[in-house]
Amino acid sequence: MTETPAEEVATLDEGDVAADYIEEFLDICDLDGDIDIESAGGRTQISVTASSDSNLRVLSNPEAVAALQELTRLAVQVRTGEFSRLILDVGGSREVRQQELSELVDAAVAALDAGAVRFPLEPMSSYERKIVHDLAGERGLTSESEGEGRDRHTVLSRA
């Protein structure tokens, strides 16, 4: 499905607002980083990268990235009046989290092979649940999201 011109403009505006916010945040914190804006699957993706000797690594902790992502989403929402589902990656933090989620799904496979009927995971964001659903499907598992709000989590089982 292709975006309409209006949706493309909205996506670009969201990315520009987010990039401006993050750039200002990095300046305040005296952190180095280059910002890239992409759009995929109807979501704006912001990546902050830097050389290996950069001080940006202090911000690439998954909890710090999640907090900055929420703050950035709020800043975009205030500026655009639209709900934001942007995804933020700082120093490769998304790749690290995807590897962690892959290991969780592997643990579920082992537990289910050992006789478990269900394998509930901890609550996580909709983006992370989507990754888990995809990984579970690749490994021949069934996945369902359960719970509400911050308690929403994925439960894995055999197909």
Protein backbone atom coordinates (compact mmCIF):
# COMPACT_ATOMS: atom_id res chain seq x y z
CA MET A 1 0.00 0.00 0.00
CA THR A 2 1.46 3.35 -1.02
CA GLU A 3 1.06 6.52 0.95
CA THR A 4 -0.97 9.38 -0.42
CA PRO A 5 0.87 12.69 -0.88
CA ALA A 6 -0.83 14.04 2.27
CA GLU A 7 0.36 11.02 4.29
CA GLU A 8 3.89 11.44 2.94
CA VAL A 9 3.91 15.11 4.02
CA ALA A 10 2.58 14.16 7.46
CA THR A 11 5.28 11.49 7.80
CA LEU A 12 7.99 13.93 6.74
CA ASP A 13 6.69 16.58 9.13
CA GLU A 14 6.69 14.03 11.97
CA GLY A 15 10.26 13.05 11.12
CA ASP A 16 11.42 16.66 10.90
CA VAL A 17 9.80 17.57 14.22
CA ALA A 18 11.28 14.47 15.87
CA ALA A 19 14.74 15.12 14.42
CA ASP A 20 14.66 18.74 15.62
CA TYR A 21 13.64 17.61 19.11
CA ILE A 22 16.34 14.95 19.29
CA GLU A 23 18.98 17.31 17.90
CA GLU A 24 18.14 19.85 20.59
CA PHE A 25 18.20 17.11 23.23
CA LEU A 26 21.64 15.95 22.06
CA ASP A 27 22.93 19.53 22.13
CA ILE A 28 21.66 20.06 25.69
CA CYS A 29 23.31 16.81 26.79
CA ASP A 30 26.48 17.62 24.82
CA LEU A 31 26.24 14.31 22.94
CA ASP A 32 27.46 13.71 19.40
CA GLY A 33 25.21 12.06 16.85
CA ASP A 34 24.00 12.05 13.27
CA ILE A 35 20.24 11.81 12.70
CA ASP A 36 18.66 9.87 9.82
CA ILE A 37 14.93 9.86 9.06
CA GLU A 38 13.22 7.01 7.23
CA SER A 39 9.64 5.90 6.74
CA ALA A 40 8.66 2.23 6.62
CA GLY A 41 5.34 0.53 7.12
CA GLY A 42 3.61 3.82 7.87
CA ARG A 43 5.99 4.59 10.74
CA THR A 44 8.70 7.17 10.92
CA GLN A 45 12.01 5.71 11.99
CA ILE A 46 14.66 7.98 13.48
CA SER A 47 18.21 6.67 13.81
CA VAL A 48 20.91 8.41 15.78
CA THR A 49 24.40 7.19 15.00
CA ALA A 50 27.93 8.25 15.80
CA SER A 51 31.49 7.01 15.54
CA SER A 52 32.59 4.30 17.95
CA ASP A 53 34.54 6.78 20.09
CA SER A 54 31.48 8.99 20.53
CA ASN A 55 29.84 9.67 23.87
CA LEU A 56 26.46 8.67 22.36
CA ARG A 57 26.77 5.18 23.88
CA VAL A 58 25.60 6.62 27.23
CA LEU A 59 22.18 7.10 25.62
CA SER A 60 21.93 3.74 23.80
CA ASN A 61 20.71 1.83 26.87
CA PRO A 62 17.31 0.29 25.96
CA GLU A 63 15.52 1.99 28.86
CA ALA A 64 17.00 5.37 27.94
CA VAL A 65 16.03 4.89 24.28
CA ALA A 66 12.47 3.92 25.26
CA ALA A 67 12.18 7.02 27.47
CA LEU A 68 13.59 9.33 24.79
CA GLN A 69 11.27 7.73 22.22
CA GLU A 70 8.25 8.52 24.41
CA LEU A 71 9.41 12.08 25.00
CA THR A 72 9.98 12.53 21.27
CA ARG A 73 6.54 11.11 20.48
CA LEU A 74 5.00 13.59 22.91
CA ALA A 75 6.95 16.48 21.38
CA VAL A 76 5.75 15.46 17.91
CA GLN A 77 2.17 15.16 19.14
CA VAL A 78 2.27 18.62 20.71
CA ARG A 79 3.72 20.18 17.53
CA THR A 80 1.60 18.33 14.95
CA GLY A 81 -1.57 17.59 16.89
CA GLU A 82 -1.31 13.98 15.67
CA PHE A 83 -0.55 10.80 17.60
CA SER A 84 2.97 9.60 16.82
CA ARG A 85 4.13 6.00 16.52
CA LEU A 86 7.69 6.83 15.53
CA ILE A 87 10.47 4.38 16.25
CA LEU A 88 13.78 5.59 17.67
CA ASP A 89 17.11 3.80 17.38
CA VAL A 90 20.16 5.15 19.18
CA GLY A 91 23.52 3.63 18.44
CA GLY A 92 22.07 0.32 17.24
CA SER A 93 19.84 -0.19 20.30
CA ARG A 94 17.00 -1.63 18.19
CA GLU A 95 19.25 -4.35 16.78
CA VAL A 96 20.36 -5.25 20.31
CA ARG A 97 16.72 -5.41 21.47
CA GLN A 98 15.73 -7.52 18.47
CA GLN A 99 18.48 -10.00 19.38
CA GLU A 100 17.18 -10.11 22.97
CA LEU A 101 13.65 -10.78 21.71
CA SER A 102 14.97 -13.52 19.44
CA GLU A 103 16.61 -15.15 22.46
CA LEU A 104 13.31 -14.92 24.38
CA VAL A 105 11.50 -16.68 21.54
CA ASP A 106 14.25 -19.34 21.47
CA ALA A 107 13.70 -19.85 25.22
CA ALA A 108 9.98 -20.25 24.53
CA VAL A 109 10.71 -22.88 21.87
CA ALA A 110 12.85 -24.81 24.37
CA ALA A 111 10.17 -24.59 27.08
CA LEU A 112 7.42 -25.65 24.69
CA ASP A 113 9.58 -28.54 23.43
CA ALA A 114 10.01 -29.57 27.07
CA GLY A 115 6.25 -29.80 27.55
CA ALA A 116 5.05 -26.32 28.44
CA VAL A 117 1.67 -25.51 26.90
CA ARG A 118 2.06 -21.71 26.94
CA PHE A 119 4.97 -19.33 27.33
CA PRO A 120 3.98 -15.81 28.42
CA LEU A 121 6.50 -13.01 27.87
CA GLU A 122 6.89 -9.82 29.88
CA PRO A 123 4.83 -6.77 28.88
CA MET A 124 6.34 -4.84 25.98
CA SER A 125 5.56 -2.16 23.44
CA SER A 126 3.41 -2.83 20.38
CA TYR A 127 6.53 -2.55 18.22
CA GLU A 128 8.32 -5.22 20.26
CA ARG A 129 5.23 -7.45 20.29
CA LYS A 130 5.14 -7.19 16.48
CA ILE A 131 8.75 -8.37 16.33
CA VAL A 132 7.91 -11.28 18.67
CA HIS A 133 4.87 -12.25 16.56
CA ASP A 134 7.09 -12.31 13.45
CA LEU A 135 9.84 -14.32 15.17
CA ALA A 136 7.31 -16.78 16.60
CA GLY A 137 5.79 -17.33 13.16
CA GLU A 138 9.24 -17.99 11.70
CA ARG A 139 9.79 -20.67 14.36
CA GLY A 140 6.41 -22.33 13.83
CA LEU A 141 4.78 -20.98 16.99
CA THR A 142 1.43 -19.35 17.55
CA SER A 143 1.44 -15.98 19.28
CA GLU A 144 -1.31 -13.92 20.86
CA SER A 145 -1.25 -10.60 22.67
CA GLU A 146 -3.09 -10.52 25.98
CA GLY A 147 -3.73 -7.90 28.64
CA GLU A 148 -4.40 -4.19 28.46
CA GLY A 149 -2.27 -1.06 28.46
CA ARG A 150 1.13 -1.42 30.08
CA ASP A 151 0.34 -5.05 30.98
CA ARG A 152 -0.11 -6.09 27.33
CA HIS A 153 2.16 -9.03 26.59
CA THR A 154 2.61 -11.87 24.12
CA VAL A 155 1.87 -15.51 24.89
CA LEU A 156 3.54 -18.13 22.73
CA SER A 157 2.34 -21.69 22.13
CA ARG A 158 2.66 -24.49 19.59
CA ALA A 159 0.65 -24.08 16.39
